[in-house]
C-alpha atoms as a PDB file:
ATOM      1  CA  MET A   1     -73.063 -24.406-139.995  1.00  0.00           C
ATOM      2  CA  LEU A   2     -72.218 -22.193-142.932  1.00  0.00           C
ATOM      3  CA  GLY A   3     -72.918 -18.504-143.235  1.00  0.00           C
ATOM      4  CA  SER A   4     -74.684 -17.085-146.284  1.00  0.00           C
ATOM      5  CA  LEU A   5     -71.510 -15.994-148.080  1.00  0.00           C
ATOM      6  CA  GLU A   6     -69.798 -19.307-147.269  1.00  0.00           C
ATOM      7  CA  THR A   7     -72.799 -21.070-148.791  1.00  0.00           C
ATOM      8  CA  GLU A   8     -72.573 -18.935-151.931  1.00  0.00           C
ATOM      9  CA  VAL A   9     -68.839 -19.704-152.231  1.00  0.00           C
ATOM     10  CA  MET A  10     -69.583 -23.432-151.865  1.00  0.00           C
ATOM     11  CA  LEU A  11     -72.294 -23.238-154.549  1.00  0.00           C
ATOM     12  CA  SER A  12     -69.903 -21.499-156.924  1.00  0.00           C
ATOM     13  CA  LEU A  13     -67.136 -23.983-156.236  1.00  0.00           C
ATOM     14  CA  ARG A  14     -69.502 -26.917-156.805  1.00  0.00           C
ATOM     15  CA  GLY A  15     -70.450 -25.440-160.159  1.00  0.00           C
ATOM     16  CA  LEU A  16     -66.791 -25.097-161.103  1.00  0.00           C
ATOM     17  CA  LYS A  17     -65.849 -28.555-159.742  1.00  0.00           C
ATOM     18  CA  GLU A  18     -62.522 -26.969-158.746  1.00  0.00           C
ATOM     19  CA  GLY A  19     -60.965 -23.543-158.975  1.00  0.00           C
ATOM     20  CA  SER A  20     -58.775 -20.863-157.494  1.00  0.00           C
ATOM     21  CA  ALA A  21     -60.037 -17.990-155.369  1.00  0.00           C
ATOM     22  CA  ARG A  22     -59.997 -15.873-158.538  1.00  0.00           C
ATOM     23  CA  ASP A  23     -62.168 -18.437-160.379  1.00  0.00           C
ATOM     24  CA  VAL A  24     -64.645 -18.555-157.503  1.00  0.00           C
ATOM     25  CA  ARG A  25     -64.776 -14.752-157.314  1.00  0.00           C
ATOM     26  CA  ARG A  26     -65.470 -14.589-161.058  1.00  0.00           C
ATOM     27  CA  SER A  27     -68.257 -17.168-160.661  1.00  0.00           C
ATOM     28  CA  LEU A  28     -69.808 -15.206-157.807  1.00  0.00           C
ATOM     29  CA  ASP A  29     -69.602 -12.020-159.862  1.00  0.00           C
ATOM     30  CA  GLY A  30     -71.380 -13.800-162.729  1.00  0.00           C
ATOM     31  CA  ARG A  31     -74.209 -14.599-160.313  1.00  0.00           C
ATOM     32  CA  GLY A  32     -74.471 -10.965-159.219  1.00  0.00           C
ATOM     33  CA  ILE A  33     -72.610 -11.416-155.919  1.00  0.00           C
ATOM     34  CA  ARG A  34     -69.869  -8.817-155.690  1.00  0.00           C
ATOM     35  CA  VAL A  35     -67.130  -9.475-153.157  1.00  0.00           C
ATOM     36  CA  ALA A  36     -63.443  -8.698-152.999  1.00  0.00           C
ATOM     37  CA  TYR A  37     -60.891 -11.288-154.056  1.00  0.00           C
ATOM     38  CA  THR A  38     -59.351 -11.177-150.570  1.00  0.00           C
ATOM     39  CA  THR A  39     -62.750 -11.953-149.024  1.00  0.00           C
ATOM     40  CA  VAL A  40     -63.172 -15.007-151.261  1.00  0.00           C
ATOM     41  CA  ALA A  41     -59.623 -16.175-150.459  1.00  0.00           C
ATOM     42  CA  THR A  42     -60.307 -15.816-146.722  1.00  0.00           C
ATOM     43  CA  ILE A  43     -63.617 -17.694-146.956  1.00  0.00           C
ATOM     44  CA  LEU A  44     -61.998 -20.527-148.926  1.00  0.00           C
ATOM     45  CA  SER A  45     -59.237 -20.753-146.330  1.00  0.00           C
ATOM     46  CA  ARG A  46     -61.820 -20.957-143.539  1.00  0.00           C
ATOM     47  CA  LEU A  47     -63.845 -23.555-145.429  1.00  0.00           C
ATOM     48  CA  HIS A  48     -60.656 -25.579-145.789  1.00  0.00           C
ATOM     49  CA  ALA A  49     -59.997 -25.326-142.051  1.00  0.00           C
ATOM     50  CA  LYS A  50     -63.580 -26.532-141.403  1.00  0.00           C
ATOM     51  CA  GLY A  51     -63.106 -29.464-143.787  1.00  0.00           C
ATOM     52  CA  PHE A  52     -65.645 -28.325-146.377  1.00  0.00           C
ATOM     53  CA  VAL A  53     -63.090 -27.950-149.188  1.00  0.00           C
ATOM     54  CA  SER A  54     -59.812 -29.603-150.068  1.00  0.00           C
ATOM     55  CA  ARG A  55     -56.980 -27.776-151.777  1.00  0.00           C
ATOM     56  CA  ARG A  56     -53.738 -28.325-153.617  1.00  0.00           C
ATOM     57  CA  ARG A  57     -50.904 -25.989-154.540  1.00  0.00           C
ATOM     58  CA  GLU A  58     -50.382 -25.090-158.161  1.00  0.00           C
ATOM     59  CA  SER A  59     -47.676 -23.066-159.865  1.00  0.00           C
ATOM     60  CA  CYS A  60     -48.927 -20.000-161.641  1.00  0.00           C
ATOM     61  CA  ARG A  61     -47.602 -16.826-163.127  1.00  0.00           C
ATOM     62  CA  GLY A  62     -46.243 -14.928-160.161  1.00  0.00           C
ATOM     63  CA  GLY A  63     -45.708 -17.896-157.837  1.00  0.00           C
ATOM     64  CA  GLU A  64     -48.129 -20.416-156.392  1.00  0.00           C
ATOM     65  CA  ARG A  65     -51.805 -20.519-155.606  1.00  0.00           C
ATOM     66  CA  TYR A  66     -54.284 -22.912-154.095  1.00  0.00           C
ATOM     67  CA  VAL A  67     -56.818 -24.720-156.218  1.00  0.00           C
ATOM     68  CA  TYR A  68     -59.888 -25.721-154.212  1.00  0.00           C
ATOM     69  CA  ARG A  69     -62.500 -28.408-154.681  1.00  0.00           C
ATOM     70  CA  PRO A  70     -65.571 -29.238-152.601  1.00  0.00           C
ATOM     71  CA  ALA A  71     -65.049 -32.038-150.109  1.00  0.00           C
ATOM     72  CA  GLU A  72     -67.703 -34.675-149.616  1.00  0.00           C
ATOM     73  CA  VAL A  73     -69.343 -32.925-146.718  1.00  0.00           C
ATOM     74  CA  GLU A  74     -72.966 -33.984-146.554  1.00  0.00           C
ATOM     75  CA  GLN A  75     -72.323 -36.402-143.685  1.00  0.00           C
ATOM     76  CA  LYS A  76     -70.158 -33.891-141.821  1.00  0.00           C
ATOM     77  CA  TYR A  77     -72.678 -31.087-142.385  1.00  0.00           C
ATOM     78  CA  LEU A  78     -75.608 -33.171-141.129  1.00  0.00           C
ATOM     79  CA  ARG A  79     -73.684 -34.290-138.059  1.00  0.00           C
ATOM     80  CA  ASN A  80     -72.713 -30.674-137.303  1.00  0.00           C
ATOM     81  CA  LEU A  81     -76.349 -29.690-137.738  1.00  0.00           C
ATOM     82  CA  LEU A  82     -77.387 -32.348-135.215  1.00  0.00           C
ATOM     83  CA  ARG A  83     -74.711 -31.141-132.780  1.00  0.00           C
ATOM     84  CA  GLY A  84     -76.046 -27.626-133.252  1.00  0.00           C
ATOM     85  CA  VAL A  85     -79.565 -28.751-132.330  1.00  0.00           C
ATOM     86  CA  VAL A  86     -78.225 -30.382-129.174  1.00  0.00           C
ATOM     87  CA  ALA A  87     -76.118 -27.340-128.275  1.00  0.00           C
ATOM     88  CA  MET A  88     -78.934 -24.844-128.871  1.00  0.00           C
ATOM     89  CA  PHE A  89     -81.922 -26.738-127.491  1.00  0.00           C
ATOM     90  CA  GLY A  90     -80.475 -29.325-125.113  1.00  0.00           C
ATOM     91  CA  PRO A  91     -82.466 -32.405-124.119  1.00  0.00           C
ATOM     92  CA  THR A  92     -85.774 -30.840-125.196  1.00  0.00           C
ATOM     93  CA  GLY A  93     -84.432 -30.374-128.711  1.00  0.00           C
ATOM     94  CA  VAL A  94     -83.269 -33.980-128.839  1.00  0.00           C
ATOM     95  CA  VAL A  95     -86.709 -35.211-127.724  1.00  0.00           C
ATOM     96  CA  HIS A  96     -88.418 -33.071-130.380  1.00  0.00           C
ATOM     97  CA  LEU A  97     -85.948 -34.232-133.051  1.00  0.00           C
ATOM     98  CA  ASN A  98     -86.640 -37.868-132.135  1.00  0.00           C
ATOM     99  CA  GLU A  99     -90.382 -37.241-132.362  1.00  0.00           C
ATOM    100  CA  GLU A 100     -89.960 -35.732-135.839  1.00  0.00           C
ATOM    101  CA  LEU A 101     -87.728 -38.600-136.957  1.00  0.00           C
ATOM    102  CA  ALA A 102     -90.371 -41.067-135.765  1.00  0.00           C
ATOM    103  CA  LYS A 103     -92.819 -39.468-138.223  1.00  0.00           C
ATOM    104  CA  LEU A 104     -90.587 -40.333-141.188  1.00  0.00           C
ATOM    105  CA  ASP A 105     -91.593 -43.021-143.607  1.00  0.00           C
ATOM    106  CA  PRO A 106     -89.362 -46.090-143.009  1.00  0.00           C
ATOM    107  CA  SER A 107     -87.694 -45.676-146.416  1.00  0.00           C
ATOM    108  CA  GLU A 108     -86.920 -42.015-145.623  1.00  0.00           C
ATOM    109  CA  GLU A 109     -85.443 -43.026-142.273  1.00  0.00           C
ATOM    110  CA  ARG A 110     -83.253 -45.685-143.912  1.00  0.00           C
ATOM    111  CA  ALA A 111     -82.066 -43.163-146.506  1.00  0.00           C
ATOM    112  CA  LEU A 112     -81.204 -40.658-143.766  1.00  0.00           C
ATOM    113  CA  ARG A 113     -79.334 -43.309-141.777  1.00  0.00           C
ATOM    114  CA  ARG A 114     -77.372 -44.280-144.900  1.00  0.00           C
ATOM    115  CA  ARG A 115     -76.501 -40.635-145.535  1.00  0.00           C
ATOM    116  CA  LEU A 116     -75.286 -40.309-141.955  1.00  0.00           C
ATOM    117  CA  ARG A 117     -73.589 -43.711-142.221  1.00  0.00           C
ATOM    118  CA  LEU A 118     -75.489 -45.026-139.212  1.00  0.00           C
ATOM    119  CA  GLU A 119     -76.389 -48.283-140.977  1.00  0.00           C
END
């Protein structure tokens, strides 16, 4: 799962479509979230390691930098969320989750299965 600052970085990056750590920091600042450039660069690096963003190298004044873009992560995020439920609550959590899923309208269940690529 993502922390609050990771979520804010992802929201900024989605709004930009792609950008450097400096671009993301500027976007965060424009939304009233003040963080250091090095913090944003570290978060983007961690998000890349988790598979939430992709990156490419780009030449710039002074050398090279990474340009990041959001990865298609909805499926990965939902699967990680399900793993988290299992890890935190064990078999009882799975039973409760199944009970809640059974309450879904059939069209909602199909949509969820498609999103998780279970169909």
